Amino acid sequence: MKKPIVLTIAGSDISFTVTTDDYNAYLNEIMPDNKVAPAHNLVMRTVDTDHKEQLRGVLDNSPGASMQIAGLLTQQFAPAIEIAVKK
């Protein structure tokens, strides 16, 4: 699966394309003591080439931005589904 996602970040639209491989790699990289680097990797790996420098500027000047952006990307790529246990 491949999903284009556009986020408005600091007043500008920035385009991303997230694939199943990107999403799975992000989940596999997350460790109890390593969450920021996987988020940064997901964001930079999926941003469209023409927005990469603009995004770098945001990430350099906004601590925690990669975590926020990664959270939104994963929510849009794999939204929560309703699951219930049948008794």
PDB file of N, CA and C in Angstrom:
ATOM      1  N   MET A   1       0.842  -1.173   0.000  1.00  0.00           N
ATOM      2  CA  MET A   1       0.000   0.000   0.000  1.00  0.00           C
ATOM      3  C   MET A   1       0.889   1.238   0.000  1.00  0.00           C
ATOM      4  N   LYS A   2       0.456   2.254  -0.691  1.00  0.00           N
ATOM      5  CA  LYS A   2       1.184   3.510  -0.800  1.00  0.00           C
ATOM      6  C   LYS A   2       0.166   4.627  -0.643  1.00  0.00           C
ATOM      7  N   LYS A   3       0.407   5.531   0.321  1.00  0.00           N
ATOM      8  CA  LYS A   3      -0.596   6.556   0.590  1.00  0.00           C
ATOM      9  C   LYS A   3       0.037   7.943   0.614  1.00  0.00           C
ATOM     10  N   PRO A   4      -0.417   8.834  -0.282  1.00  0.00           N
ATOM     11  CA  PRO A   4       0.047  10.217  -0.218  1.00  0.00           C
ATOM     12  C   PRO A   4      -0.684  10.947   0.918  1.00  0.00           C
ATOM     13  N   ILE A   5       0.070  11.733   1.672  1.00  0.00           N
ATOM     14  CA  ILE A   5      -0.485  12.486   2.802  1.00  0.00           C
ATOM     15  C   ILE A   5       0.081  13.898   2.739  1.00  0.00           C
ATOM     16  N   VAL A   6      -0.784  14.899   2.858  1.00  0.00           N
ATOM     17  CA  VAL A   6      -0.344  16.286   2.885  1.00  0.00           C
ATOM     18  C   VAL A   6      -0.663  16.843   4.267  1.00  0.00           C
ATOM     19  N   LEU A   7       0.367  17.363   4.934  1.00  0.00           N
ATOM     20  CA  LEU A   7       0.197  17.999   6.242  1.00  0.00           C
ATOM     21  C   LEU A   7       0.517  19.481   6.111  1.00  0.00           C
ATOM     22  N   THR A   8      -0.238  20.318   6.796  1.00  0.00           N
ATOM     23  CA  THR A   8       0.094  21.729   6.869  1.00  0.00           C
ATOM     24  C   THR A   8       0.939  21.908   8.118  1.00  0.00           C
ATOM     25  N   ILE A   9       2.207  22.259   7.903  1.00  0.00           N
ATOM     26  CA  ILE A   9       3.177  22.379   8.990  1.00  0.00           C
ATOM     27  C   ILE A   9       3.726  23.793   8.987  1.00  0.00           C
ATOM     28  N   ALA A  10       3.569  24.488  10.096  1.00  0.00           N
ATOM     29  CA  ALA A  10       4.037  25.871  10.217  1.00  0.00           C
ATOM     30  C   ALA A  10       3.503  26.725   9.068  1.00  0.00           C
ATOM     31  N   GLY A  11       2.250  26.506   8.695  1.00  0.00           N
ATOM     32  CA  GLY A  11       1.597  27.320   7.679  1.00  0.00           C
ATOM     33  C   GLY A  11       1.846  26.915   6.240  1.00  0.00           C
ATOM     34  N   SER A  12       2.634  25.861   6.000  1.00  0.00           N
ATOM     35  CA  SER A  12       2.926  25.418   4.634  1.00  0.00           C
ATOM     36  C   SER A  12       2.514  23.971   4.441  1.00  0.00           C
ATOM     37  N   ASP A  13       1.990  23.669   3.260  1.00  0.00           N
ATOM     38  CA  ASP A  13       1.641  22.286   2.937  1.00  0.00           C
ATOM     39  C   ASP A  13       2.905  21.518   2.574  1.00  0.00           C
ATOM     40  N   ILE A  14       3.092  20.378   3.220  1.00  0.00           N
ATOM     41  CA  ILE A  14       4.238  19.513   2.954  1.00  0.00           C
ATOM     42  C   ILE A  14       3.689  18.126   2.634  1.00  0.00           C
ATOM     43  N   SER A  15       4.133  17.567   1.513  1.00  0.00           N
ATOM     44  CA  SER A  15       3.624  16.287   1.027  1.00  0.00           C
ATOM     45  C   SER A  15       4.544  15.133   1.424  1.00  0.00           C
ATOM     46  N   PHE A  16       3.912  14.042   1.777  1.00  0.00           N
ATOM     47  CA  PHE A  16       4.599  12.809   2.147  1.00  0.00           C
ATOM     48  C   PHE A  16       3.970  11.668   1.356  1.00  0.00           C
ATOM     49  N   THR A  17       4.726  10.613   1.150  1.00  0.00           N
ATOM     50  CA  THR A  17       4.185   9.384   0.591  1.00  0.00           C
ATOM     51  C   THR A  17       4.663   8.247   1.490  1.00  0.00           C
ATOM     52  N   VAL A  18       3.720   7.646   2.192  1.00  0.00           N
ATOM     53  CA  VAL A  18       4.034   6.579   3.146  1.00  0.00           C
ATOM     54  C   VAL A  18       3.640   5.242   2.534  1.00  0.00           C
ATOM     55  N   THR A  19       4.552   4.282   2.628  1.00  0.00           N
ATOM     56  CA  THR A  19       4.274   2.930   2.136  1.00  0.00           C
ATOM     57  C   THR A  19       4.196   1.966   3.325  1.00  0.00           C
ATOM     58  N   THR A  20       3.722   0.788   3.047  1.00  0.00           N
ATOM     59  CA  THR A  20       3.665  -0.241   4.083  1.00  0.00           C
ATOM     60  C   THR A  20       5.069  -0.541   4.599  1.00  0.00           C
ATOM     61  N   ASP A  21       6.056  -0.585   3.714  1.00  0.00           N
ATOM     62  CA  ASP A  21       7.436  -0.830   4.145  1.00  0.00           C
ATOM     63  C   ASP A  21       7.943   0.277   5.066  1.00  0.00           C
ATOM     64  N   ASP A  22       7.628   1.549   4.749  1.00  0.00           N
ATOM     65  CA  ASP A  22       8.025   2.669   5.611  1.00  0.00           C
ATOM     66  C   ASP A  22       7.397   2.536   6.996  1.00  0.00           C
ATOM     67  N   TYR A  23       6.114   2.238   7.018  1.00  0.00           N
ATOM     68  CA  TYR A  23       5.375   2.105   8.275  1.00  0.00           C
ATOM     69  C   TYR A  23       5.940   0.963   9.112  1.00  0.00           C
ATOM     70  N   ASN A  24       6.162  -0.191   8.475  1.00  0.00           N
ATOM     71  CA  ASN A  24       6.697  -1.347   9.202  1.00  0.00           C
ATOM     72  C   ASN A  24       8.105  -1.086   9.712  1.00  0.00           C
ATOM     73  N   ALA A  25       8.937  -0.435   8.915  1.00  0.00           N
ATOM     74  CA  ALA A  25      10.303  -0.114   9.345  1.00  0.00           C
ATOM     75  C   ALA A  25      10.265   0.798  10.569  1.00  0.00           C
ATOM     76  N   TYR A  26       9.377   1.777  10.563  1.00  0.00           N
ATOM     77  CA  TYR A  26       9.226   2.680  11.705  1.00  0.00           C
ATOM     78  C   TYR A  26       8.872   1.895  12.964  1.00  0.00           C
ATOM     79  N   LEU A  27       7.886   1.021  12.871  1.00  0.00           N
ATOM     80  CA  LEU A  27       7.475   0.242  14.042  1.00  0.00           C
ATOM     81  C   LEU A  27       8.590  -0.679  14.526  1.00  0.00           C
ATOM     82  N   ASN A  28       9.322  -1.262  13.597  1.00  0.00           N
ATOM     83  CA  ASN A  28      10.409  -2.165  13.963  1.00  0.00           C
ATOM     84  C   ASN A  28      11.600  -1.442  14.584  1.00  0.00           C
ATOM     85  N   GLU A  29      11.796  -0.161  14.247  1.00  0.00           N
ATOM     86  CA  GLU A  29      12.921   0.606  14.785  1.00  0.00           C
ATOM     87  C   GLU A  29      12.671   1.140  16.198  1.00  0.00           C
ATOM     88  N   ILE A  30      11.407   1.275  16.581  1.00  0.00           N
ATOM     89  CA  ILE A  30      11.079   1.854  17.891  1.00  0.00           C
ATOM     90  C   ILE A  30      11.503   0.902  19.002  1.00  0.00           C
ATOM     91  N   MET A  31      12.261   1.434  19.944  1.00  0.00           N
ATOM     92  CA  MET A  31      12.720   0.688  21.115  1.00  0.00           C
ATOM     93  C   MET A  31      12.366   1.515  22.354  1.00  0.00           C
ATOM     94  N   PRO A  32      12.339   0.906  23.522  1.00  0.00           N
ATOM     95  CA  PRO A  32      12.004   1.664  24.730  1.00  0.00           C
ATOM     96  C   PRO A  32      12.882   2.899  24.945  1.00  0.00           C
ATOM     97  N   ASP A  33      14.142   2.821  24.527  1.00  0.00           N
ATOM     98  CA  ASP A  33      15.042   3.954  24.739  1.00  0.00           C
ATOM     99  C   ASP A  33      15.390   4.670  23.436  1.00  0.00           C
ATOM    100  N   ASN A  34      14.615   4.423  22.369  1.00  0.00           N
ATOM    101  CA  ASN A  34      14.913   5.036  21.077  1.00  0.00           C
ATOM    102  C   ASN A  34      13.621   5.263  20.303  1.00  0.00           C
ATOM    103  N   LYS A  35      13.034   6.442  20.482  1.00  0.00           N
ATOM    104  CA  LYS A  35      11.799   6.775  19.779  1.00  0.00           C
ATOM    105  C   LYS A  35      11.971   7.951  18.828  1.00  0.00           C
ATOM    106  N   VAL A  36      12.862   8.870  19.156  1.00  0.00           N
ATOM    107  CA  VAL A  36      13.019  10.081  18.350  1.00  0.00           C
ATOM    108  C   VAL A  36      13.668   9.766  17.006  1.00  0.00           C
ATOM    109  N   ALA A  37      14.732   8.991  16.999  1.00  0.00           N
ATOM    110  CA  ALA A  37      15.427   8.670  15.744  1.00  0.00           C
ATOM    111  C   ALA A  37      14.509   7.947  14.751  1.00  0.00           C
ATOM    112  N   PRO A  38      13.738   6.936  15.180  1.00  0.00           N
ATOM    113  CA  PRO A  38      12.826   6.298  14.228  1.00  0.00           C
ATOM    114  C   PRO A  38      11.780   7.270  13.673  1.00  0.00           C
ATOM    115  N   ALA A  39      11.288   8.188  14.510  1.00  0.00           N
ATOM    116  CA  ALA A  39      10.317   9.174  14.044  1.00  0.00           C
ATOM    117  C   ALA A  39      10.956  10.087  12.999  1.00  0.00           C
ATOM    118  N   HIS A  40      12.160  10.559  13.292  1.00  0.00           N
ATOM    119  CA  HIS A  40      12.883  11.416  12.347  1.00  0.00           C
ATOM    120  C   HIS A  40      13.125  10.668  11.030  1.00  0.00           C
ATOM    121  N   ASN A  41      13.536   9.405  11.129  1.00  0.00           N
ATOM    122  CA  ASN A  41      13.781   8.605   9.925  1.00  0.00           C
ATOM    123  C   ASN A  41      12.517   8.443   9.093  1.00  0.00           C
ATOM    124  N   LEU A  42      11.384   8.166   9.725  1.00  0.00           N
ATOM    125  CA  LEU A  42      10.122   8.019   9.002  1.00  0.00           C
ATOM    126  C   LEU A  42       9.772   9.309   8.270  1.00  0.00           C
ATOM    127  N   VAL A  43       9.870  10.411   8.976  1.00  0.00           N
ATOM    128  CA  VAL A  43       9.501  11.704   8.404  1.00  0.00           C
ATOM    129  C   VAL A  43      10.391  12.037   7.208  1.00  0.00           C
ATOM    130  N   MET A  44      11.694  11.877   7.364  1.00  0.00           N
ATOM    131  CA  MET A  44      12.620  12.218   6.276  1.00  0.00           C
ATOM    132  C   MET A  44      12.566  11.204   5.134  1.00  0.00           C
ATOM    133  N   ARG A  45      12.262   9.963   5.442  1.00  0.00           N
ATOM    134  CA  ARG A  45      12.188   8.912   4.421  1.00  0.00           C
ATOM    135  C   ARG A  45      10.946   9.084   3.546  1.00  0.00           C
ATOM    136  N   THR A  46       9.882   9.671   4.096  1.00  0.00           N
ATOM    137  CA  THR A  46       8.611   9.719   3.369  1.00  0.00           C
ATOM    138  C   THR A  46       8.269  11.086   2.793  1.00  0.00           C
ATOM    139  N   VAL A  47       8.999  12.138   3.180  1.00  0.00           N
ATOM    140  CA  VAL A  47       8.697  13.467   2.646  1.00  0.00           C
ATOM    141  C   VAL A  47       9.028  13.495   1.157  1.00  0.00           C
ATOM    142  N   ASP A  48       8.180  14.152   0.382  1.00  0.00           N
ATOM    143  CA  ASP A  48       8.438  14.276  -1.045  1.00  0.00           C
ATOM    144  C   ASP A  48       9.691  15.124  -1.262  1.00  0.00           C
ATOM    145  N   THR A  49      10.452  14.791  -2.275  1.00  0.00           N
ATOM    146  CA  THR A  49      11.754  15.404  -2.532  1.00  0.00           C
ATOM    147  C   THR A  49      11.694  16.926  -2.584  1.00  0.00           C
ATOM    148  N   ASP A  50      10.663  17.488  -3.227  1.00  0.00           N
ATOM    149  CA  ASP A  50      10.598  18.943  -3.350  1.00  0.00           C
ATOM    150  C   ASP A  50      10.281  19.652  -2.039  1.00  0.00           C
ATOM    151  N   HIS A  51       9.926  18.936  -0.992  1.00  0.00           N
ATOM    152  CA  HIS A  51       9.637  19.550   0.312  1.00  0.00           C
ATOM    153  C   HIS A  51      10.694  19.227   1.369  1.00  0.00           C
ATOM    154  N   LYS A  52      11.709  18.458   0.980  1.00  0.00           N
ATOM    155  CA  LYS A  52      12.688  17.962   1.957  1.00  0.00           C
ATOM    156  C   LYS A  52      13.441  19.094   2.668  1.00  0.00           C
ATOM    157  N   GLU A  53      13.930  20.076   1.941  1.00  0.00           N
ATOM    158  CA  GLU A  53      14.681  21.180   2.561  1.00  0.00           C
ATOM    159  C   GLU A  53      13.787  22.020   3.467  1.00  0.00           C
ATOM    160  N   GLN A  54      12.577  22.261   3.026  1.00  0.00           N
ATOM    161  CA  GLN A  54      11.614  23.017   3.837  1.00  0.00           C
ATOM    162  C   GLN A  54      11.345  22.282   5.155  1.00  0.00           C
ATOM    163  N   LEU A  55      11.167  20.983   5.079  1.00  0.00           N
ATOM    164  CA  LEU A  55      10.923  20.184   6.280  1.00  0.00           C
ATOM    165  C   LEU A  55      12.143  20.186   7.189  1.00  0.00           C
ATOM    166  N   ARG A  56      13.335  20.088   6.616  1.00  0.00           N
ATOM    167  CA  ARG A  56      14.562  20.137   7.430  1.00  0.00           C
ATOM    168  C   ARG A  56      14.607  21.410   8.270  1.00  0.00           C
ATOM    169  N   GLY A  57      14.218  22.529   7.675  1.00  0.00           N
ATOM    170  CA  GLY A  57      14.186  23.797   8.402  1.00  0.00           C
ATOM    171  C   GLY A  57      13.239  23.741   9.590  1.00  0.00           C
ATOM    172  N   VAL A  58      12.090  23.134   9.395  1.00  0.00           N
ATOM    173  CA  VAL A  58      11.117  22.995  10.493  1.00  0.00           C
ATOM    174  C   VAL A  58      11.702  22.115  11.588  1.00  0.00           C
ATOM    175  N   LEU A  59      12.271  20.979  11.212  1.00  0.00           N
ATOM    176  CA  LEU A  59      12.802  20.044  12.200  1.00  0.00           C
ATOM    177  C   LEU A  59      13.976  20.643  12.966  1.00  0.00           C
ATOM    178  N   ASP A  60      14.814  21.429  12.286  1.00  0.00           N
ATOM    179  CA  ASP A  60      15.968  22.057  12.941  1.00  0.00           C
ATOM    180  C   ASP A  60      15.560  23.106  13.968  1.00  0.00           C
ATOM    181  N   ASN A  61      14.398  23.733  13.766  1.00  0.00           N
ATOM    182  CA  ASN A  61      13.972  24.831  14.637  1.00  0.00           C
ATOM    183  C   ASN A  61      12.832  24.487  15.586  1.00  0.00           C
ATOM    184  N   SER A  62      12.374  23.245  15.560  1.00  0.00           N
ATOM    185  CA  SER A  62      11.223  22.863  16.380  1.00  0.00           C
ATOM    186  C   SER A  62      11.477  21.540  17.084  1.00  0.00           C
ATOM    187  N   PRO A  63      12.006  21.576  18.300  1.00  0.00           N
ATOM    188  CA  PRO A  63      12.227  20.318  19.029  1.00  0.00           C
ATOM    189  C   PRO A  63      10.921  19.528  19.154  1.00  0.00           C
ATOM    190  N   GLY A  64      10.989  18.260  18.895  1.00  0.00           N
ATOM    191  CA  GLY A  64       9.809  17.402  19.016  1.00  0.00           C
ATOM    192  C   GLY A  64       8.941  17.354  17.770  1.00  0.00           C
ATOM    193  N   ALA A  65       9.262  18.158  16.769  1.00  0.00           N
ATOM    194  CA  ALA A  65       8.422  18.193  15.567  1.00  0.00           C
ATOM    195  C   ALA A  65       8.379  16.841  14.866  1.00  0.00           C
ATOM    196  N   SER A  66       9.514  16.151  14.815  1.00  0.00           N
ATOM    197  CA  SER A  66       9.521  14.859  14.115  1.00  0.00           C
ATOM    198  C   SER A  66       8.576  13.871  14.790  1.00  0.00           C
ATOM    199  N   MET A  67       8.485  13.920  16.115  1.00  0.00           N
ATOM    200  CA  MET A  67       7.569  13.025  16.836  1.00  0.00           C
ATOM    201  C   MET A  67       6.106  13.367  16.499  1.00  0.00           C
ATOM    202  N   GLN A  68       5.795  14.655  16.468  1.00  0.00           N
ATOM    203  CA  GLN A  68       4.432  15.077  16.152  1.00  0.00           C
ATOM    204  C   GLN A  68       4.044  14.701  14.727  1.00  0.00           C
ATOM    205  N   ILE A  69       4.962  14.946  13.789  1.00  0.00           N
ATOM    206  CA  ILE A  69       4.688  14.654  12.387  1.00  0.00           C
ATOM    207  C   ILE A  69       4.556  13.151  12.173  1.00  0.00           C
ATOM    208  N   ALA A  70       5.462  12.369  12.755  1.00  0.00           N
ATOM    209  CA  ALA A  70       5.396  10.905  12.627  1.00  0.00           C
ATOM    210  C   ALA A  70       4.079  10.381  13.189  1.00  0.00           C
ATOM    211  N   GLY A  71       3.633  10.951  14.306  1.00  0.00           N
ATOM    212  CA  GLY A  71       2.359  10.533  14.887  1.00  0.00           C
ATOM    213  C   GLY A  71       1.196  10.755  13.934  1.00  0.00           C
ATOM    214  N   LEU A  72       1.178  11.923  13.287  1.00  0.00           N
ATOM    215  CA  LEU A  72       0.099  12.214  12.334  1.00  0.00           C
ATOM    216  C   LEU A  72       0.194  11.331  11.093  1.00  0.00           C
ATOM    217  N   LEU A  73       1.422  11.110  10.616  1.00  0.00           N
ATOM    218  CA  LEU A  73       1.582  10.249   9.440  1.00  0.00           C
ATOM    219  C   LEU A  73       1.085   8.835   9.714  1.00  0.00           C
ATOM    220  N   THR A  74       1.436   8.289  10.882  1.00  0.00           N
ATOM    221  CA  THR A  74       1.008   6.915  11.183  1.00  0.00           C
ATOM    222  C   THR A  74      -0.499   6.844  11.405  1.00  0.00           C
ATOM    223  N   GLN A  75      -1.075   7.889  12.001  1.00  0.00           N
ATOM    224  CA  GLN A  75      -2.535   7.905  12.180  1.00  0.00           C
ATOM    225  C   GLN A  75      -3.257   7.932  10.843  1.00  0.00           C
ATOM    226  N   GLN A  76      -2.731   8.706   9.902  1.00  0.00           N
ATOM    227  CA  GLN A  76      -3.367   8.800   8.588  1.00  0.00           C
ATOM    228  C   GLN A  76      -3.126   7.546   7.747  1.00  0.00           C
ATOM    229  N   PHE A  77      -1.952   6.956   7.882  1.00  0.00           N
ATOM    230  CA  PHE A  77      -1.636   5.764   7.096  1.00  0.00           C
ATOM    231  C   PHE A  77      -2.394   4.548   7.605  1.00  0.00           C
ATOM    232  N   ALA A  78      -2.430   4.369   8.907  1.00  0.00           N
ATOM    233  CA  ALA A  78      -3.073   3.192   9.503  1.00  0.00           C
ATOM    234  C   ALA A  78      -4.036   3.648  10.596  1.00  0.00           C
ATOM    235  N   PRO A  79      -5.191   4.170  10.202  1.00  0.00           N
ATOM    236  CA  PRO A  79      -6.138   4.644  11.211  1.00  0.00           C
ATOM    237  C   PRO A  79      -6.633   3.503  12.098  1.00  0.00           C
ATOM    238  N   ALA A  80      -7.017   3.862  13.300  1.00  0.00           N
ATOM    239  CA  ALA A  80      -7.527   2.869  14.246  1.00  0.00           C
ATOM    240  C   ALA A  80      -8.795   2.228  13.684  1.00  0.00           C
ATOM    241  N   ILE A  81      -8.914   0.943  13.897  1.00  0.00           N
ATOM    242  CA  ILE A  81     -10.131   0.233  13.494  1.00  0.00           C
ATOM    243  C   ILE A  81     -10.780  -0.320  14.756  1.00  0.00           C
ATOM    244  N   GLU A  82     -12.073  -0.502  14.680  1.00  0.00           N
ATOM    245  CA  GLU A  82     -12.791  -1.021  15.834  1.00  0.00           C
ATOM    246  C   GLU A  82     -12.635  -2.540  15.876  1.00  0.00           C
ATOM    247  N   ILE A  83     -12.155  -3.025  17.000  1.00  0.00           N
ATOM    248  CA  ILE A  83     -11.964  -4.469  17.186  1.00  0.00           C
ATOM    249  C   ILE A  83     -12.581  -4.849  18.521  1.00  0.00           C
ATOM    250  N   ALA A  84     -13.342  -5.909  18.535  1.00  0.00           N
ATOM    251  CA  ALA A  84     -13.959  -6.377  19.768  1.00  0.00           C
ATOM    252  C   ALA A  84     -13.750  -7.885  19.890  1.00  0.00           C
ATOM    253  N   VAL A  85     -13.647  -8.327  21.127  1.00  0.00           N
ATOM    254  CA  VAL A  85     -13.531  -9.752  21.395  1.00  0.00           C
ATOM    255  C   VAL A  85     -14.940 -10.314  21.541  1.00  0.00           C
ATOM    256  N   LYS A  86     -15.232 -11.344  20.787  1.00  0.00           N
ATOM    257  CA  LYS A  86     -16.549 -11.968  20.856  1.00  0.00           C
ATOM    258  C   LYS A  86     -16.552 -12.975  21.989  1.00  0.00           C
ATOM    259  N   LYS A  87     -17.540 -12.900  22.851  1.00  0.00           N
ATOM    260  CA  LYS A  87     -17.634 -13.816  23.982  1.00  0.00           C
ATOM    261  C   LYS A  87     -18.637 -14.892  23.724  1.00  0.00           C
TER     262      LYS A  87
END
